[in-house]
């Protein structure tokens, strides 16, 4: 049997485990960049989709943007 070298040293792994276990936030918001992917991007997508829906309803109700 050949022992593989770990991806990270054991000390760093234990340090990261302590950090993540001590944080009181939700599991998906524990990393420093996770707030961008879990909060900002969905809010931006929701905001832009609501804007496009409202614009489409306005255009339909006023007859703007018809093709022919």
N, C-alpha and C. Protein backbone atom coordinates (compact mmCIF):
# COMPACT_ATOMS: atom_id res chain seq x y z
N UNK A 1 0.83 -1.19 0.00
CA UNK A 1 0.00 0.00 0.00
C UNK A 1 0.87 1.25 0.00
N UNK A 2 0.49 2.16 -0.83
CA UNK A 2 1.23 3.41 -0.93
C UNK A 2 0.41 4.49 -0.24
N UNK A 3 1.04 5.21 0.67
CA UNK A 3 0.35 6.32 1.32
C UNK A 3 0.44 7.55 0.44
N UNK A 4 -0.72 8.16 0.21
CA UNK A 4 -0.74 9.39 -0.58
C UNK A 4 -0.51 10.57 0.33
N UNK A 5 0.11 11.59 -0.21
CA UNK A 5 0.29 12.81 0.57
C UNK A 5 -1.04 13.56 0.58
N UNK A 6 -1.41 14.14 1.70
CA UNK A 6 -2.69 14.86 1.76
C UNK A 6 -2.64 16.16 0.95
N UNK A 7 -3.82 16.64 0.57
CA UNK A 7 -3.89 17.89 -0.18
C UNK A 7 -3.43 19.07 0.67
N UNK A 8 -3.78 19.03 1.94
CA UNK A 8 -3.38 20.08 2.87
C UNK A 8 -2.74 19.44 4.09
N UNK A 9 -1.87 20.16 4.75
CA UNK A 9 -1.31 19.62 6.00
C UNK A 9 -2.42 19.45 7.05
N UNK A 10 -2.27 18.48 7.91
CA UNK A 10 -3.28 18.18 8.93
C UNK A 10 -3.54 19.38 9.84
N UNK A 11 -2.52 20.16 10.15
CA UNK A 11 -2.70 21.32 11.03
C UNK A 11 -3.61 22.36 10.39
N UNK A 12 -3.41 22.60 9.09
CA UNK A 12 -4.27 23.57 8.40
C UNK A 12 -5.71 23.07 8.35
N UNK A 13 -5.89 21.77 8.14
CA UNK A 13 -7.23 21.20 8.09
C UNK A 13 -7.94 21.35 9.43
N UNK A 14 -7.24 21.08 10.51
CA UNK A 14 -7.84 21.21 11.85
C UNK A 14 -8.17 22.68 12.13
N UNK A 15 -7.29 23.58 11.70
CA UNK A 15 -7.55 25.02 11.89
C UNK A 15 -8.80 25.46 11.13
N UNK A 16 -8.96 25.00 9.87
CA UNK A 16 -10.15 25.35 9.08
C UNK A 16 -11.41 24.75 9.70
N UNK A 17 -11.32 23.52 10.22
CA UNK A 17 -12.48 22.90 10.85
C UNK A 17 -12.92 23.69 12.08
N UNK A 18 -11.97 24.13 12.87
CA UNK A 18 -12.30 24.94 14.05
C UNK A 18 -12.98 26.25 13.63
N UNK A 19 -12.46 26.87 12.59
CA UNK A 19 -13.03 28.12 12.10
C UNK A 19 -14.48 27.91 11.66
N UNK A 20 -14.72 26.91 10.83
CA UNK A 20 -16.06 26.70 10.30
C UNK A 20 -17.04 26.22 11.37
N UNK A 21 -16.56 25.50 12.36
CA UNK A 21 -17.46 25.04 13.41
C UNK A 21 -17.79 26.13 14.41
N UNK A 22 -16.96 27.17 14.48
CA UNK A 22 -17.20 28.24 15.45
C UNK A 22 -18.11 29.34 14.90
N UNK A 23 -18.27 29.42 13.58
CA UNK A 23 -19.08 30.47 12.97
C UNK A 23 -20.55 30.15 13.19
N UNK A 24 -21.35 31.18 13.51
CA UNK A 24 -22.75 31.00 13.82
C UNK A 24 -23.67 31.20 12.62
N UNK A 25 -23.13 31.62 11.47
CA UNK A 25 -23.97 31.84 10.28
C UNK A 25 -24.50 30.52 9.73
N UNK A 26 -25.34 30.62 8.73
CA UNK A 26 -25.82 29.44 8.04
C UNK A 26 -24.65 28.74 7.35
N UNK A 27 -24.83 27.47 7.08
CA UNK A 27 -23.74 26.67 6.50
C UNK A 27 -23.30 27.22 5.16
N UNK A 28 -24.23 27.69 4.32
CA UNK A 28 -23.85 28.13 2.98
C UNK A 28 -23.24 29.53 2.96
N UNK A 29 -23.13 30.21 4.09
CA UNK A 29 -22.53 31.55 4.12
C UNK A 29 -21.26 31.60 4.95
N UNK A 30 -20.54 30.50 5.05
CA UNK A 30 -19.39 30.49 5.95
C UNK A 30 -18.11 31.03 5.32
N UNK A 31 -17.94 30.91 4.02
CA UNK A 31 -16.73 31.41 3.38
C UNK A 31 -16.82 32.90 3.13
N UNK A 32 -15.69 33.55 2.90
CA UNK A 32 -15.70 35.00 2.69
C UNK A 32 -16.36 35.42 1.37
N UNK A 33 -16.28 34.58 0.35
CA UNK A 33 -16.86 34.94 -0.95
C UNK A 33 -18.25 34.33 -1.14
N UNK A 34 -18.74 33.57 -0.18
CA UNK A 34 -20.01 32.89 -0.35
C UNK A 34 -21.19 33.84 -0.28
N UNK A 35 -21.04 34.99 0.33
CA UNK A 35 -22.14 35.95 0.39
C UNK A 35 -22.43 36.51 -1.00
N UNK A 36 -21.41 36.58 -1.84
CA UNK A 36 -21.62 37.08 -3.20
C UNK A 36 -22.44 36.08 -4.00
N UNK A 37 -22.05 34.79 -3.92
CA UNK A 37 -22.74 33.79 -4.73
C UNK A 37 -24.09 33.40 -4.15
N UNK A 38 -24.27 33.52 -2.84
CA UNK A 38 -25.52 33.07 -2.23
C UNK A 38 -26.53 34.19 -2.04
N UNK A 39 -26.08 35.44 -2.07
CA UNK A 39 -27.00 36.55 -1.81
C UNK A 39 -27.03 37.53 -2.98
N UNK A 40 -25.89 38.03 -3.38
CA UNK A 40 -25.86 39.12 -4.36
C UNK A 40 -26.32 38.68 -5.74
N UNK A 41 -25.85 37.54 -6.22
CA UNK A 41 -26.21 37.10 -7.57
C UNK A 41 -27.70 36.76 -7.66
N UNK A 42 -28.29 36.00 -6.70
CA UNK A 42 -29.74 35.77 -6.78
C UNK A 42 -30.56 37.05 -6.69
N UNK A 43 -30.14 38.00 -5.85
CA UNK A 43 -30.87 39.27 -5.77
C UNK A 43 -30.80 40.03 -7.09
N UNK A 44 -29.64 40.02 -7.74
CA UNK A 44 -29.49 40.70 -9.02
C UNK A 44 -30.37 40.03 -10.09
N UNK A 45 -30.38 38.70 -10.11
CA UNK A 45 -31.23 38.00 -11.08
C UNK A 45 -32.71 38.27 -10.82
N UNK A 46 -33.12 38.25 -9.57
CA UNK A 46 -34.52 38.50 -9.24
C UNK A 46 -34.91 39.94 -9.60
N UNK A 47 -34.04 40.89 -9.29
CA UNK A 47 -34.33 42.28 -9.61
C UNK A 47 -34.45 42.53 -11.10
N UNK A 48 -33.53 41.96 -11.88
CA UNK A 48 -33.59 42.17 -13.33
C UNK A 48 -34.80 41.47 -13.94
N UNK A 49 -35.16 40.28 -13.43
CA UNK A 49 -36.33 39.59 -13.99
C UNK A 49 -37.61 40.33 -13.65
N UNK A 50 -37.73 40.88 -12.45
CA UNK A 50 -38.91 41.66 -12.09
C UNK A 50 -39.01 42.91 -12.97
N UNK A 51 -37.88 43.55 -13.22
CA UNK A 51 -37.87 44.73 -14.09
C UNK A 51 -38.35 44.37 -15.50
N UNK A 52 -37.85 43.25 -16.04
CA UNK A 52 -38.24 42.87 -17.39
C UNK A 52 -39.71 42.46 -17.46
N UNK A 53 -40.22 41.82 -16.43
CA UNK A 53 -41.64 41.45 -16.41
C UNK A 53 -42.52 42.69 -16.37
N UNK A 54 -42.18 43.65 -15.51
CA UNK A 54 -42.96 44.89 -15.41
C UNK A 54 -42.90 45.66 -16.72
N UNK A 55 -41.73 45.71 -17.34
CA UNK A 55 -41.61 46.42 -18.62
C UNK A 55 -42.44 45.75 -19.70
N UNK A 56 -42.46 44.41 -19.72
CA UNK A 56 -43.27 43.69 -20.70
C UNK A 56 -44.75 43.93 -20.50
N UNK A 57 -45.20 43.92 -19.25
CA UNK A 57 -46.62 44.19 -18.97
C UNK A 57 -46.98 45.61 -19.39
N UNK A 58 -46.12 46.57 -19.11
CA UNK A 58 -46.36 47.96 -19.51
C UNK A 58 -46.44 48.08 -21.03
N UNK A 59 -45.50 47.45 -21.71
CA UNK A 59 -45.49 47.52 -23.18
C UNK A 59 -46.74 46.86 -23.77
N UNK A 60 -47.16 45.73 -23.22
CA UNK A 60 -48.36 45.06 -23.73
C UNK A 60 -49.60 45.91 -23.50
N UNK A 61 -49.69 46.54 -22.32
CA UNK A 61 -50.89 47.30 -22.01
C UNK A 61 -50.98 48.59 -22.82
N UNK A 62 -49.85 49.11 -23.29
CA UNK A 62 -49.87 50.34 -24.07
C UNK A 62 -49.64 50.10 -25.56
N UNK A 63 -49.45 48.84 -25.95
CA UNK A 63 -49.28 48.53 -27.38
C UNK A 63 -47.95 48.97 -27.94
N UNK A 64 -46.93 49.03 -27.11
CA UNK A 64 -45.61 49.49 -27.56
C UNK A 64 -44.79 48.28 -27.99
N UNK A 65 -44.01 48.43 -29.05
CA UNK A 65 -43.07 47.40 -29.45
C UNK A 65 -43.66 46.27 -30.24
N UNK A 66 -44.77 46.49 -30.94
CA UNK A 66 -45.35 45.45 -31.76
C UNK A 66 -44.49 45.25 -33.01
N UNK A 67 -44.44 44.01 -33.49
CA UNK A 67 -43.63 43.74 -34.68
C UNK A 67 -44.34 44.19 -35.95
N UNK A 68 -45.62 43.85 -36.11
CA UNK A 68 -46.32 44.29 -37.31
C UNK A 68 -47.83 44.24 -37.11
